[in-house]
Amino acid sequence: MLHQKISKERIIIFRRATIYYITNTLKITVVAMVLIFIMFISKYKPMYKVTIGEETIGYVTNKDKVEQIVEDYINTQDENIAFIEVKDLPKYELNLVGWNIEDSTNSVLQKVKDESVVTYLLYAIKVGDEQPQYVSTLEEAKQVVEELKNEFEGILDLKIGVEEVFTSDLENIQSIDMSVAKVNLDTEIISNCDSAINGIILSKPISGIVTYRFGPRWGRTHKGIDIAANTGTPIHPCSDGTVTFTGWYGGYGNLIIVDHGNGVQTYYGHCSKICVSTGQEVTRDTIIGLVGSTGNSTGPHLHLEILKDGVVQNPQNYLYK
């Protein structure tokens, strides 16, 4: 009995010693890990390495912030900027770097700007054979033409031309080879954004920035162009015609098709609302729908397609040049 009692006491003492040892070992391990972590973070910090093309630009702390800054730049709405094309967008890779590494957000944005092509929109007014005069808006162009009409109508056989001019070189705008249309004073102002296809004059259905162009995309052909605009922006037909389809059509979402005659059709996809009905006659002034993001869409925009004799065309051969 005494032997059994001593054995039990030894077992209890052993268990207590084991628990004490394990507990203290865990405490020491935790403290050691905390110390190692403190030493580690005192030497290193997480940052995103940014590359554009094959070039490493630097490191940034807040990837989302930089992406938003770049997106805001691409969608700049400053006066006279038609659109901005970026050859290579930044790519990001999470790294641990020393605390001496500084944030390069400004350098990233500057590199994006350096690699971008900014296309500006101006309105050229030409009187007879005189050097064109450039203004910022169509409203200014109309005002200048009206002033000229009031001043010279009945005195001179004056011919005036107004044209939209897209250029990426504002400094040398005067050297652009102008092919400005000359029209009589009583003729409506025209611009080269209105282009003919099979004799049908087309005009822009909305104002906005082209975000995706015609051609290969994600392993397939993008049959039109995407023009970004706010949800609810009114959509006008590119020309007079007859509505031949309205409704939901797969990835197009809410789709409107207008037949303009002479084998020319236009498609308007992703509408938030359709404002016309099949068989309805429409003019350029008709609001046929509102911009939306229905169907296969990642944000509000108009998907525009142009068909000539049943074959899709690149809309930028005629509009949004």
Protein backbone atom coordinates (compact mmCIF):
# COMPACT_ATOMS: atom_id res chain seq x y z
CA MET A 1 0.00 0.00 0.00
CA LEU A 2 2.78 2.39 0.92
CA HIS A 3 4.52 1.56 -2.35
CA GLN A 4 1.37 2.31 -4.34
CA LYS A 5 0.87 5.61 -2.52
CA ILE A 6 4.45 6.69 -3.28
CA SER A 7 3.96 5.73 -6.97
CA LYS A 8 0.81 7.82 -7.23
CA GLU A 9 2.52 10.81 -5.66
CA ARG A 10 5.41 10.46 -8.12
CA ILE A 11 2.94 10.35 -11.02
CA ILE A 12 1.20 13.48 -9.77
CA ILE A 13 4.54 15.27 -9.32
CA PHE A 14 5.62 14.18 -12.82
CA ARG A 15 2.39 15.42 -14.37
CA ARG A 16 2.68 18.75 -12.63
CA ALA A 17 6.29 19.08 -13.71
CA THR A 18 5.38 18.19 -17.29
CA ILE A 19 2.53 20.72 -17.37
CA TYR A 20 4.80 23.36 -15.84
CA TYR A 21 7.53 22.64 -18.39
CA ILE A 22 5.14 22.69 -21.34
CA THR A 23 3.43 25.88 -20.14
CA ASN A 24 6.70 27.69 -19.65
CA THR A 25 8.07 26.42 -22.93
CA LEU A 26 4.99 27.75 -24.73
CA LYS A 27 5.32 31.09 -22.96
CA ILE A 28 8.98 31.32 -23.94
CA THR A 29 8.14 30.31 -27.52
CA VAL A 30 5.40 32.93 -27.79
CA VAL A 31 7.62 35.63 -26.33
CA ALA A 32 10.41 34.63 -28.70
CA MET A 33 8.07 34.73 -31.70
CA VAL A 34 6.77 38.14 -30.66
CA LEU A 35 10.33 39.42 -30.28
CA ILE A 36 11.27 37.98 -33.68
CA PHE A 37 8.16 39.54 -35.24
CA ILE A 38 8.95 42.92 -33.66
CA MET A 39 12.50 42.71 -34.93
CA PHE A 40 11.23 41.67 -38.37
CA ILE A 41 8.68 44.47 -38.77
CA SER A 42 11.22 46.96 -37.44
CA LYS A 43 13.36 46.04 -40.44
CA TYR A 44 10.79 45.21 -43.17
CA LYS A 45 7.40 46.42 -44.33
CA PRO A 46 4.92 45.21 -46.99
CA MET A 47 4.77 47.24 -50.21
CA TYR A 48 3.70 46.64 -53.80
CA LYS A 49 6.36 46.58 -56.49
CA VAL A 50 5.04 48.44 -59.54
CA THR A 51 6.11 47.58 -63.08
CA ILE A 52 5.00 49.21 -66.32
CA GLY A 53 5.89 47.16 -69.34
CA GLU A 54 9.27 45.65 -68.46
CA GLU A 55 10.38 48.54 -66.25
CA THR A 56 10.19 48.57 -62.45
CA ILE A 57 9.01 52.04 -61.41
CA GLY A 58 9.18 51.66 -57.62
CA TYR A 59 7.07 50.61 -54.66
CA VAL A 60 3.73 51.84 -53.35
CA THR A 61 1.97 51.25 -50.07
CA ASN A 62 -1.66 51.54 -51.16
CA LYS A 63 -2.35 49.66 -54.40
CA ASP A 64 -6.07 50.59 -54.51
CA LYS A 65 -5.27 54.28 -54.11
CA VAL A 66 -2.77 54.20 -56.99
CA GLU A 67 -5.19 52.30 -59.24
CA GLN A 68 -7.86 54.94 -58.54
CA ILE A 69 -5.43 57.78 -59.28
CA VAL A 70 -4.50 56.18 -62.62
CA GLU A 71 -8.16 55.56 -63.48
CA ASP A 72 -9.03 59.19 -62.65
CA TYR A 73 -6.23 60.36 -64.94
CA ILE A 74 -7.39 58.15 -67.84
CA ASN A 75 -10.93 59.49 -67.43
CA THR A 76 -9.84 63.13 -67.18
CA GLN A 77 -12.65 65.45 -68.22
CA ASP A 78 -10.53 68.57 -68.65
CA GLU A 79 -11.44 70.95 -71.46
CA ASN A 80 -10.37 69.85 -74.95
CA ILE A 81 -9.30 66.32 -73.91
CA ALA A 82 -11.18 63.84 -76.10
CA PHE A 83 -9.64 60.69 -74.65
CA ILE A 84 -6.42 59.31 -73.18
CA GLU A 85 -4.86 56.06 -74.35
CA VAL A 86 -2.45 54.23 -72.04
CA LYS A 87 -0.11 51.73 -73.65
CA ASP A 88 0.67 49.69 -70.51
CA LEU A 89 -1.18 49.81 -67.21
CA PRO A 90 0.81 49.33 -63.96
CA LYS A 91 1.16 45.82 -62.57
CA TYR A 92 1.52 45.16 -58.85
CA GLU A 93 3.38 42.49 -56.81
CA LEU A 94 3.36 42.35 -53.00
CA ASN A 95 6.87 42.37 -51.49
CA LEU A 96 8.60 42.84 -48.13
CA VAL A 97 11.04 45.72 -48.35
CA GLY A 98 13.22 47.75 -46.04
CA TRP A 99 11.85 50.76 -44.21
CA ASN A 100 14.19 52.96 -46.20
CA ILE A 101 12.15 52.33 -49.37
CA GLU A 102 9.93 55.35 -50.10
CA ASP A 103 6.49 55.41 -51.71
CA SER A 104 6.68 56.03 -55.48
CA THR A 105 3.04 56.90 -56.23
CA ASN A 106 3.99 60.17 -57.93
CA SER A 107 6.60 58.43 -60.08
CA VAL A 108 4.07 55.80 -61.14
CA LEU A 109 1.55 58.44 -62.21
CA GLN A 110 4.25 60.40 -64.06
CA LYS A 111 5.33 57.28 -65.93
CA VAL A 112 1.72 56.54 -66.89
CA LYS A 113 1.42 60.10 -68.22
CA ASP A 114 4.73 59.80 -70.10
CA GLU A 115 3.56 56.58 -71.76
CA SER A 116 0.10 57.94 -72.60
CA VAL A 117 -1.18 59.51 -75.78
CA VAL A 118 -3.57 62.37 -75.06
CA THR A 119 -5.91 63.21 -77.92
CA TYR A 120 -7.37 66.72 -77.85
CA LEU A 121 -10.53 67.96 -79.51
CA LEU A 122 -10.69 71.44 -81.04
CA TYR A 123 -13.03 73.14 -83.48
CA ALA A 124 -11.46 74.70 -86.54
CA ILE A 125 -13.19 77.58 -88.29
CA LYS A 126 -12.00 78.52 -91.75
CA VAL A 127 -13.13 81.56 -93.70
CA GLY A 128 -12.37 81.26 -97.38
CA ASP A 129 -8.68 80.46 -97.78
CA GLU A 130 -7.63 82.04 -94.50
CA GLN A 131 -5.69 80.16 -91.83
CA PRO A 132 -8.13 78.25 -89.57
CA GLN A 133 -9.08 79.70 -86.21
CA TYR A 134 -9.33 77.17 -83.36
CA VAL A 135 -11.84 77.30 -80.50
CA SER A 136 -12.54 74.93 -77.64
CA THR A 137 -16.24 74.13 -78.05
CA LEU A 138 -18.87 73.78 -80.74
CA GLU A 139 -20.84 76.53 -79.00
CA GLU A 140 -17.91 78.92 -79.46
CA ALA A 141 -17.63 77.89 -83.12
CA LYS A 142 -21.32 78.57 -83.71
CA GLN A 143 -21.00 81.94 -82.01
CA VAL A 144 -18.04 82.93 -84.22
CA VAL A 145 -19.89 81.82 -87.36
CA GLU A 146 -23.00 83.76 -86.32
CA GLU A 147 -20.92 86.88 -85.75
CA LEU A 148 -19.33 86.51 -89.18
CA LYS A 149 -22.72 86.03 -90.80
CA ASN A 150 -24.10 89.15 -89.14
CA GLU A 151 -21.05 91.17 -90.15
CA PHE A 152 -20.55 90.09 -93.75
CA GLU A 153 -23.79 88.58 -95.06
CA GLY A 154 -24.90 90.48 -98.14
CA ILE A 155 -21.51 92.15 -98.45
CA LEU A 156 -19.15 89.27 -99.27
CA ASP A 157 -19.72 85.87 -100.85
CA LEU A 158 -18.24 84.34 -97.72
CA LYS A 159 -17.73 80.61 -97.30
CA ILE A 160 -17.24 79.16 -93.83
CA GLY A 161 -16.17 75.70 -92.72
CA VAL A 162 -16.30 74.17 -89.24
CA GLU A 163 -14.63 70.89 -88.42
CA GLU A 164 -13.79 68.84 -85.37
CA VAL A 165 -10.03 68.38 -85.19
CA PHE A 166 -8.52 65.55 -83.15
CA THR A 167 -4.83 65.96 -82.45
CA SER A 168 -2.23 64.79 -79.95
CA ASP A 169 0.06 67.73 -80.76
CA LEU A 170 -1.42 71.01 -79.56
CA GLU A 171 1.87 72.89 -80.03
CA ASN A 172 1.90 72.22 -83.77
CA ILE A 173 -1.84 72.51 -84.39
CA GLN A 174 -1.30 75.24 -86.97
CA SER A 175 0.69 72.84 -89.15
CA ILE A 176 -2.12 70.30 -89.46
CA ASP A 177 -3.22 69.73 -93.05
CA MET A 178 -6.80 70.94 -92.86
CA SER A 179 -9.50 69.61 -95.16
CA VAL A 180 -12.19 71.84 -93.74
CA ALA A 181 -15.49 71.70 -95.60
CA LYS A 182 -16.55 75.00 -97.16
CA VAL A 183 -20.26 75.72 -96.97
CA ASN A 184 -22.50 78.63 -97.86
CA LEU A 185 -23.59 80.99 -95.11
CA ASP A 186 -27.11 79.55 -95.05
CA THR A 187 -25.84 75.99 -94.69
CA GLU A 188 -25.84 74.27 -91.33
CA ILE A 189 -22.49 73.94 -89.55
CA ILE A 190 -21.03 70.48 -90.10
CA SER A 191 -18.10 68.59 -88.61
CA ASN A 192 -16.03 65.65 -89.69
CA CYS A 193 -17.38 63.53 -86.85
CA ASP A 194 -20.39 63.09 -89.15
CA SER A 195 -19.22 60.55 -91.69
CA ALA A 196 -20.97 58.82 -94.56
CA ILE A 197 -21.34 55.07 -95.02
CA ASN A 198 -23.28 53.91 -98.08
CA GLY A 199 -24.55 57.49 -98.37
CA ILE A 200 -25.87 57.55 -94.78
CA ILE A 201 -24.49 60.39 -92.63
CA LEU A 202 -23.70 59.20 -89.09
CA SER A 203 -23.29 61.24 -85.92
CA LYS A 204 -22.32 60.37 -82.35
CA PRO A 205 -25.16 58.79 -80.34
CA ILE A 206 -23.67 60.08 -77.05
CA SER A 207 -20.68 62.03 -75.84
CA GLY A 208 -18.13 60.08 -73.85
CA ILE A 209 -14.77 58.37 -73.77
CA VAL A 210 -14.07 55.25 -75.81
CA THR A 211 -12.99 52.62 -73.27
CA TYR A 212 -12.83 49.57 -75.56
CA ARG A 213 -12.16 49.62 -79.25
CA PHE A 214 -13.14 47.41 -82.15
CA GLY A 215 -11.11 44.22 -82.62
CA PRO A 216 -9.69 41.25 -80.65
CA ARG A 217 -10.53 41.18 -76.94
CA TRP A 218 -10.34 38.30 -74.45
CA GLY A 219 -9.84 35.74 -77.20
CA ARG A 220 -12.74 36.89 -79.35
CA THR A 221 -13.70 39.81 -81.59
CA HIS A 222 -15.20 42.91 -80.02
CA LYS A 223 -17.65 43.85 -82.76
CA GLY A 224 -18.09 47.49 -81.80
CA ILE A 225 -16.79 50.16 -79.47
CA ASP A 226 -17.69 50.94 -75.85
CA ILE A 227 -18.31 54.56 -74.91
CA ALA A 228 -18.32 55.26 -71.16
CA ALA A 229 -21.06 57.56 -69.84
CA ASN A 230 -23.18 57.97 -66.74
CA THR A 231 -26.17 55.73 -66.23
CA GLY A 232 -29.25 57.42 -67.66
CA THR A 233 -27.41 59.41 -70.35
CA PRO A 234 -29.80 59.81 -73.34
CA ILE A 235 -28.91 57.82 -76.47
CA HIS A 236 -29.77 59.20 -79.92
CA PRO A 237 -29.67 57.18 -83.15
CA CYS A 238 -26.65 57.78 -85.38
CA SER A 239 -29.04 58.76 -88.18
CA ASP A 240 -32.72 58.69 -89.11
CA GLY A 241 -34.20 55.25 -89.53
CA THR A 242 -36.58 52.54 -88.37
CA VAL A 243 -36.28 50.57 -85.13
CA THR A 244 -36.16 46.88 -86.07
CA PHE A 245 -35.47 45.33 -82.65
CA THR A 246 -35.93 46.25 -79.00
CA GLY A 247 -35.48 43.99 -76.01
CA TRP A 248 -33.11 41.72 -74.13
CA TYR A 249 -30.50 40.01 -76.31
CA GLY A 250 -27.98 37.85 -74.43
CA GLY A 251 -24.72 39.60 -73.55
CA TYR A 252 -25.97 42.84 -75.13
CA GLY A 253 -28.53 43.20 -72.34
CA ASN A 254 -31.20 45.66 -73.43
CA LEU A 255 -30.52 46.14 -77.14
CA ILE A 256 -31.88 48.53 -79.76
CA ILE A 257 -31.31 48.00 -83.50
CA VAL A 258 -32.01 50.77 -86.01
CA ASP A 259 -32.11 50.28 -89.79
CA HIS A 260 -31.01 53.43 -91.65
CA GLY A 261 -31.52 52.09 -95.16
CA ASN A 262 -28.91 51.46 -97.86
CA GLY A 263 -27.75 48.37 -95.94
CA VAL A 264 -26.70 50.34 -92.84
CA GLN A 265 -27.72 49.21 -89.33
CA THR A 266 -26.62 50.36 -85.88
CA TYR A 267 -26.76 48.44 -82.57
CA TYR A 268 -27.04 50.08 -79.13
CA GLY A 269 -26.33 47.67 -76.27
CA HIS A 270 -26.42 47.54 -72.44
CA CYS A 271 -29.22 50.14 -72.19
CA SER A 272 -30.74 50.75 -68.75
CA LYS A 273 -34.01 51.67 -70.46
CA ILE A 274 -35.46 51.35 -73.95
CA CYS A 275 -37.51 54.39 -74.97
CA VAL A 276 -38.78 53.27 -78.42
CA SER A 277 -40.64 50.32 -79.85
CA THR A 278 -40.05 48.01 -82.79
CA GLY A 279 -41.28 49.53 -86.05
CA GLN A 280 -41.02 53.10 -84.80
CA GLU A 281 -39.56 55.74 -87.14
CA VAL A 282 -36.81 57.77 -85.43
CA THR A 283 -34.68 60.82 -86.19
CA ARG A 284 -31.34 62.00 -84.85
CA ASP A 285 -33.22 63.99 -82.20
CA THR A 286 -35.15 60.97 -80.88
CA ILE A 287 -34.08 59.57 -77.52
CA ILE A 288 -34.13 55.84 -78.20
CA GLY A 289 -32.74 54.66 -74.85
CA LEU A 290 -30.66 55.43 -71.79
CA VAL A 291 -27.09 54.33 -71.03
CA GLY A 292 -26.85 51.44 -68.59
CA SER A 293 -24.92 48.31 -67.66
CA THR A 294 -27.27 45.44 -68.54
CA GLY A 295 -26.05 42.13 -69.96
CA ASN A 296 -22.32 41.33 -69.94
CA SER A 297 -21.10 44.67 -68.68
CA THR A 298 -18.73 45.84 -65.94
CA GLY A 299 -19.97 49.43 -65.78
CA PRO A 300 -22.29 51.94 -67.44
CA HIS A 301 -21.48 52.45 -71.11
CA LEU A 302 -22.93 52.26 -74.61
CA HIS A 303 -21.87 49.40 -76.84
CA LEU A 304 -22.16 50.70 -80.41
CA GLU A 305 -21.98 48.53 -83.52
CA ILE A 306 -22.25 49.57 -87.16
CA LEU A 307 -23.15 47.06 -89.87
CA LYS A 308 -22.76 47.66 -93.59
CA ASP A 309 -24.58 45.14 -95.78
CA GLY A 310 -24.65 42.73 -92.83
CA VAL A 311 -20.91 43.01 -92.10
CA VAL A 312 -19.67 44.66 -88.87
CA GLN A 313 -17.53 47.75 -89.36
CA ASN A 314 -15.12 49.55 -87.07
CA PRO A 315 -17.23 52.48 -85.80
CA GLN A 316 -14.09 54.58 -85.40
CA ASN A 317 -13.70 54.65 -89.14
CA TYR A 318 -16.73 56.94 -89.04
CA LEU A 319 -17.20 58.26 -85.49
CA TYR A 320 -15.05 59.01 -82.38
CA LYS A 321 -11.97 59.30 -84.58
